[in-house]
N, C-alpha and C. Protein backbone atom coordinates (compact mmCIF):
# COMPACT_ATOMS: atom_id res chain seq x y z
N UNK A 1 31.44 31.18 46.82
CA UNK A 1 31.69 30.36 45.67
C UNK A 1 31.77 31.21 44.45
N UNK A 2 32.72 30.92 43.58
CA UNK A 2 32.89 31.71 42.40
C UNK A 2 31.91 31.28 41.34
N UNK A 3 31.78 32.08 40.27
CA UNK A 3 30.86 31.75 39.16
C UNK A 3 31.32 30.58 38.36
N UNK A 4 32.63 30.36 38.34
CA UNK A 4 33.11 29.26 37.47
C UNK A 4 33.17 27.92 38.19
N UNK A 5 32.75 27.84 39.46
CA UNK A 5 32.69 26.56 40.15
C UNK A 5 31.27 26.02 40.17
N UNK A 6 31.09 24.75 40.04
CA UNK A 6 29.67 24.21 40.05
C UNK A 6 29.14 24.27 41.49
N UNK A 7 27.82 24.46 41.56
CA UNK A 7 27.10 24.47 42.81
C UNK A 7 26.97 23.02 43.32
N UNK A 8 27.65 22.65 44.34
CA UNK A 8 27.55 21.27 44.84
C UNK A 8 26.48 21.15 45.92
N UNK A 9 25.78 22.17 46.19
CA UNK A 9 24.69 22.11 47.18
C UNK A 9 23.40 21.38 46.62
N UNK A 10 23.31 21.48 45.29
CA UNK A 10 22.12 20.86 44.67
C UNK A 10 22.49 19.47 44.17
N UNK A 11 21.56 18.45 44.40
CA UNK A 11 21.88 17.14 43.94
C UNK A 11 21.86 17.04 42.38
N UNK A 12 22.56 16.20 41.84
CA UNK A 12 22.60 16.02 40.38
C UNK A 12 21.38 15.18 40.02
N UNK A 13 20.42 15.69 39.27
CA UNK A 13 19.28 15.03 38.88
C UNK A 13 19.32 14.43 37.43
N UNK A 14 20.42 14.73 36.75
CA UNK A 14 20.57 14.21 35.37
C UNK A 14 20.74 12.76 35.38
N UNK A 15 20.09 12.10 34.38
CA UNK A 15 20.16 10.64 34.28
C UNK A 15 21.52 10.36 33.59
N UNK A 16 22.20 9.30 34.10
CA UNK A 16 23.49 9.00 33.37
C UNK A 16 23.16 8.46 32.00
N UNK A 17 24.02 8.84 31.06
CA UNK A 17 23.88 8.37 29.68
C UNK A 17 23.92 6.83 29.56
N UNK A 18 23.05 6.32 28.75
CA UNK A 18 23.11 4.90 28.52
C UNK A 18 24.34 4.56 27.66
N UNK A 19 24.99 3.46 27.94
CA UNK A 19 26.17 3.05 27.12
C UNK A 19 25.69 2.71 25.75
N UNK A 20 26.47 3.09 24.75
CA UNK A 20 26.10 2.76 23.36
C UNK A 20 26.16 1.26 23.14
N UNK A 21 25.26 0.81 22.26
CA UNK A 21 25.27 -0.65 21.99
C UNK A 21 26.47 -0.91 21.06
N UNK A 22 27.08 -2.09 21.31
CA UNK A 22 28.12 -2.53 20.42
C UNK A 22 27.57 -2.87 18.99
N UNK A 23 28.39 -2.91 18.04
CA UNK A 23 27.89 -3.28 16.65
C UNK A 23 27.25 -4.68 16.65
N UNK A 24 27.72 -5.56 17.48
CA UNK A 24 27.15 -6.94 17.55
C UNK A 24 25.76 -6.87 18.21
N UNK A 25 25.71 -6.05 19.29
CA UNK A 25 24.36 -5.96 19.93
C UNK A 25 23.37 -5.28 19.05
N UNK A 26 23.77 -4.26 18.30
CA UNK A 26 22.90 -3.56 17.35
C UNK A 26 22.48 -4.50 16.24
N UNK A 27 23.39 -5.31 15.73
CA UNK A 27 23.00 -6.25 14.66
C UNK A 27 22.06 -7.28 15.20
N UNK A 28 22.24 -7.80 16.44
CA UNK A 28 21.39 -8.74 17.03
C UNK A 28 19.93 -8.22 17.17
N UNK A 29 19.92 -6.96 17.67
CA UNK A 29 18.62 -6.29 17.89
C UNK A 29 17.92 -6.12 16.56
N UNK A 30 18.63 -5.64 15.54
CA UNK A 30 18.03 -5.48 14.25
C UNK A 30 17.50 -6.75 13.66
N UNK A 31 18.24 -7.79 13.79
CA UNK A 31 17.86 -9.13 13.27
C UNK A 31 16.60 -9.63 14.04
N UNK A 32 16.59 -9.43 15.32
CA UNK A 32 15.45 -9.86 16.14
C UNK A 32 14.22 -9.11 15.74
N UNK A 33 14.25 -7.79 15.59
CA UNK A 33 13.19 -6.97 15.19
C UNK A 33 12.60 -7.32 13.85
N UNK A 34 13.57 -7.62 12.92
CA UNK A 34 13.17 -7.96 11.55
C UNK A 34 12.41 -9.30 11.53
N UNK A 35 12.90 -10.25 12.35
CA UNK A 35 12.25 -11.56 12.37
C UNK A 35 10.87 -11.39 13.04
N UNK A 36 10.81 -10.64 14.13
CA UNK A 36 9.54 -10.42 14.82
C UNK A 36 8.51 -9.72 13.89
N UNK A 37 8.98 -8.66 13.16
CA UNK A 37 8.10 -7.94 12.33
C UNK A 37 7.63 -8.84 11.23
N UNK A 38 8.42 -9.64 10.59
CA UNK A 38 8.01 -10.59 9.50
C UNK A 38 7.08 -11.61 10.05
N UNK A 39 7.34 -12.14 11.22
CA UNK A 39 6.47 -13.20 11.75
C UNK A 39 5.08 -12.62 12.08
N UNK A 40 5.08 -11.42 12.71
CA UNK A 40 3.83 -10.85 13.10
C UNK A 40 3.04 -10.45 11.88
N UNK A 41 3.71 -9.91 10.87
CA UNK A 41 3.05 -9.50 9.67
C UNK A 41 2.36 -10.73 8.98
N UNK A 42 3.05 -11.90 8.95
CA UNK A 42 2.45 -13.11 8.40
C UNK A 42 1.22 -13.51 9.17
N UNK A 43 1.29 -13.44 10.52
CA UNK A 43 0.17 -13.86 11.27
C UNK A 43 -1.01 -12.92 11.17
N UNK A 44 -0.73 -11.62 10.91
CA UNK A 44 -1.75 -10.62 10.70
C UNK A 44 -2.25 -10.51 9.26
N UNK A 45 -1.71 -11.44 8.41
CA UNK A 45 -2.07 -11.49 6.99
C UNK A 45 -1.74 -10.19 6.26
N UNK A 46 -0.60 -9.63 6.63
CA UNK A 46 -0.06 -8.47 5.86
C UNK A 46 1.39 -8.66 5.58
N UNK A 47 1.75 -9.88 5.21
CA UNK A 47 3.15 -10.26 4.96
C UNK A 47 3.77 -9.48 3.92
N UNK A 48 3.02 -8.85 3.03
CA UNK A 48 3.62 -8.04 1.90
C UNK A 48 3.89 -6.65 2.32
N UNK A 49 3.56 -6.30 3.54
CA UNK A 49 3.81 -4.97 4.07
C UNK A 49 5.32 -4.74 4.34
N UNK A 50 5.92 -3.64 3.78
CA UNK A 50 7.26 -3.34 4.05
C UNK A 50 7.31 -2.41 5.24
N UNK A 51 7.98 -2.84 6.24
CA UNK A 51 8.05 -2.05 7.52
C UNK A 51 9.36 -1.37 7.60
N UNK A 52 9.39 -0.12 7.71
CA UNK A 52 10.63 0.73 7.98
C UNK A 52 10.83 0.77 9.53
N UNK A 53 11.54 -0.26 10.01
CA UNK A 53 11.71 -0.37 11.46
C UNK A 53 12.37 0.85 12.04
N UNK A 54 13.37 1.37 11.39
CA UNK A 54 14.10 2.53 11.88
C UNK A 54 13.15 3.71 12.00
N UNK A 55 12.24 3.93 11.05
CA UNK A 55 11.31 5.07 11.13
C UNK A 55 10.33 4.86 12.27
N UNK A 56 9.85 3.63 12.48
CA UNK A 56 8.93 3.38 13.60
C UNK A 56 9.64 3.65 14.89
N UNK A 57 10.86 3.17 15.05
CA UNK A 57 11.57 3.39 16.30
C UNK A 57 11.92 4.82 16.50
N UNK A 58 12.20 5.57 15.40
CA UNK A 58 12.48 7.00 15.60
C UNK A 58 11.19 7.76 16.03
N UNK A 59 10.09 7.41 15.49
CA UNK A 59 8.86 8.06 15.90
C UNK A 59 8.55 7.71 17.37
N UNK A 60 8.71 6.42 17.75
CA UNK A 60 8.56 6.06 19.14
C UNK A 60 9.44 6.85 20.05
N UNK A 61 10.69 6.99 19.62
CA UNK A 61 11.65 7.81 20.40
C UNK A 61 11.30 9.21 20.58
N UNK A 62 10.77 9.80 19.55
CA UNK A 62 10.30 11.25 19.71
C UNK A 62 9.18 11.35 20.72
N UNK A 63 8.14 10.38 20.59
CA UNK A 63 7.03 10.41 21.53
C UNK A 63 7.50 10.08 22.91
N UNK A 64 8.39 9.15 23.10
CA UNK A 64 8.83 8.82 24.46
C UNK A 64 9.55 9.99 25.12
N UNK A 65 10.41 10.64 24.37
CA UNK A 65 11.19 11.74 24.97
C UNK A 65 10.41 13.00 25.05
N UNK A 66 9.56 13.32 24.09
CA UNK A 66 8.87 14.61 24.12
C UNK A 66 7.59 14.57 25.02
N UNK A 67 6.93 13.50 25.10
CA UNK A 67 5.78 13.37 25.94
C UNK A 67 6.03 12.59 27.19
N UNK A 68 5.91 11.27 27.13
CA UNK A 68 6.25 10.37 28.18
C UNK A 68 6.62 9.03 27.53
N UNK A 69 7.37 8.25 28.24
CA UNK A 69 7.79 6.94 27.64
C UNK A 69 6.60 6.08 27.19
N UNK A 70 5.48 6.02 27.99
CA UNK A 70 4.37 5.19 27.46
C UNK A 70 3.68 5.78 26.24
N UNK A 71 4.01 6.97 25.86
CA UNK A 71 3.46 7.54 24.65
C UNK A 71 3.99 6.84 23.41
N UNK A 72 5.14 6.18 23.47
CA UNK A 72 5.78 5.59 22.31
C UNK A 72 4.87 4.50 21.66
N UNK A 73 4.45 3.47 22.45
CA UNK A 73 3.58 2.48 21.79
C UNK A 73 2.26 3.04 21.38
N UNK A 74 1.70 3.91 22.17
CA UNK A 74 0.42 4.54 21.84
C UNK A 74 0.51 5.34 20.58
N UNK A 75 1.56 6.03 20.43
CA UNK A 75 1.75 6.88 19.19
C UNK A 75 1.87 6.04 17.96
N UNK A 76 2.67 4.94 18.04
CA UNK A 76 2.90 4.08 16.87
C UNK A 76 1.59 3.34 16.55
N UNK A 77 0.81 2.98 17.53
CA UNK A 77 -0.49 2.33 17.26
C UNK A 77 -1.40 3.26 16.58
N UNK A 78 -1.62 4.48 17.12
CA UNK A 78 -2.49 5.43 16.47
C UNK A 78 -2.06 5.80 15.10
N UNK A 79 -0.77 6.03 14.83
CA UNK A 79 -0.24 6.33 13.51
C UNK A 79 -0.57 5.21 12.55
N UNK A 80 -0.37 3.96 13.00
CA UNK A 80 -0.66 2.81 12.13
C UNK A 80 -2.18 2.70 11.85
N UNK A 81 -2.98 3.01 12.80
CA UNK A 81 -4.39 2.89 12.64
C UNK A 81 -4.89 4.03 11.61
N UNK A 82 -4.39 5.18 11.90
CA UNK A 82 -4.74 6.34 10.95
C UNK A 82 -4.22 6.09 9.55
N UNK A 83 -3.04 5.57 9.42
CA UNK A 83 -2.53 5.35 8.04
C UNK A 83 -3.32 4.19 7.42
N UNK A 84 -3.65 3.15 8.12
CA UNK A 84 -4.43 2.07 7.58
C UNK A 84 -5.83 2.49 7.14
N UNK A 85 -6.44 3.33 8.00
CA UNK A 85 -7.78 3.90 7.64
C UNK A 85 -7.66 4.75 6.41
N UNK A 86 -6.70 5.68 6.34
CA UNK A 86 -6.57 6.53 5.11
C UNK A 86 -6.33 5.72 3.88
N UNK A 87 -5.48 4.68 3.96
CA UNK A 87 -5.21 3.93 2.79
C UNK A 87 -6.45 3.07 2.39
N UNK A 88 -7.23 2.55 3.34
CA UNK A 88 -8.40 1.80 3.06
C UNK A 88 -9.52 2.66 2.44
N UNK A 89 -9.52 3.95 2.80
CA UNK A 89 -10.50 4.85 2.19
C UNK A 89 -10.04 5.44 0.92
N UNK A 90 -8.85 5.04 0.46
CA UNK A 90 -8.35 5.55 -0.78
C UNK A 90 -7.85 6.99 -0.77
N UNK A 91 -7.63 7.50 0.43
CA UNK A 91 -7.15 8.79 0.58
C UNK A 91 -5.66 9.02 0.18
N UNK A 92 -4.94 7.97 0.29
CA UNK A 92 -3.49 7.95 -0.02
C UNK A 92 -3.06 6.50 -0.11
N UNK A 93 -1.83 6.34 -0.63
CA UNK A 93 -1.23 5.04 -0.61
C UNK A 93 -0.87 4.68 0.84
N UNK A 94 -0.61 3.42 1.10
CA UNK A 94 -0.17 3.08 2.45
C UNK A 94 1.07 3.83 2.92
N UNK A 95 1.99 3.92 2.01
CA UNK A 95 3.28 4.52 2.23
C UNK A 95 3.02 6.11 2.54
N UNK A 96 2.23 6.68 1.70
CA UNK A 96 1.94 8.13 1.83
C UNK A 96 1.21 8.38 3.16
N UNK A 97 0.24 7.54 3.40
CA UNK A 97 -0.59 7.72 4.60
C UNK A 97 0.25 7.51 5.89
N UNK A 98 1.18 6.59 5.84
CA UNK A 98 2.04 6.29 6.97
C UNK A 98 2.96 7.55 7.22
N UNK A 99 3.54 8.00 6.14
CA UNK A 99 4.44 9.16 6.23
C UNK A 99 3.69 10.40 6.81
N UNK A 100 2.50 10.62 6.28
CA UNK A 100 1.72 11.82 6.74
C UNK A 100 1.37 11.71 8.21
N UNK A 101 0.86 10.51 8.62
CA UNK A 101 0.48 10.29 10.01
C UNK A 101 1.68 10.41 10.93
N UNK A 102 2.86 9.88 10.54
CA UNK A 102 4.07 9.98 11.26
C UNK A 102 4.50 11.42 11.48
N UNK A 103 4.48 12.12 10.39
CA UNK A 103 4.88 13.59 10.44
C UNK A 103 3.94 14.38 11.41
N UNK A 104 2.67 14.10 11.36
CA UNK A 104 1.73 14.76 12.25
C UNK A 104 2.03 14.42 13.68
N UNK A 105 2.20 13.13 13.96
CA UNK A 105 2.52 12.66 15.33
C UNK A 105 3.76 13.26 15.81
N UNK A 106 4.86 13.23 15.04
CA UNK A 106 6.10 13.74 15.47
C UNK A 106 6.05 15.22 15.75
N UNK A 107 5.40 16.00 14.91
CA UNK A 107 5.24 17.41 15.07
C UNK A 107 4.48 17.75 16.33
N UNK A 108 3.41 17.02 16.58
CA UNK A 108 2.56 17.26 17.83
C UNK A 108 3.39 16.91 19.04
N UNK A 109 4.10 15.79 18.99
CA UNK A 109 4.93 15.43 20.18
C UNK A 109 6.00 16.51 20.48
N UNK A 110 6.63 16.92 19.40
CA UNK A 110 7.68 17.96 19.64
C UNK A 110 7.08 19.30 20.18
N UNK A 111 5.83 19.61 19.77
CA UNK A 111 5.19 20.84 20.24
C UNK A 111 4.85 20.74 21.75
N UNK A 112 4.71 19.51 22.21
CA UNK A 112 4.33 19.35 23.63
C UNK A 112 5.55 19.00 24.50
N UNK A 113 6.73 19.02 23.89
CA UNK A 113 7.93 18.60 24.63
C UNK A 113 8.00 19.23 25.95
N UNK A 114 8.30 18.33 26.98
CA UNK A 114 8.29 18.78 28.34
C UNK A 114 9.54 19.55 28.69
């Protein structure tokens, strides 16, 4: 077998790429997440909280891909807890505390990338 031909003796273990969401699917997902976030925030008595859904999903994506998929919800929970604690203690504003905790979590996840 020459160097420019692929080795067909080994099975292909790469996962097929997920098809991209259509603009309609993306809009529906965004709308659903915004409604869910607003409803949950009201029930948790934090309705005035502005949630950057894209930032939360990006952090979850980093954790899921760099560590393990189940690390995504765990990471976002711990970041939220740490940010809330820091804000409650007056160490930073909620926005600053969230940004700092998110940066720490993303950096740690990337350093452990499998």
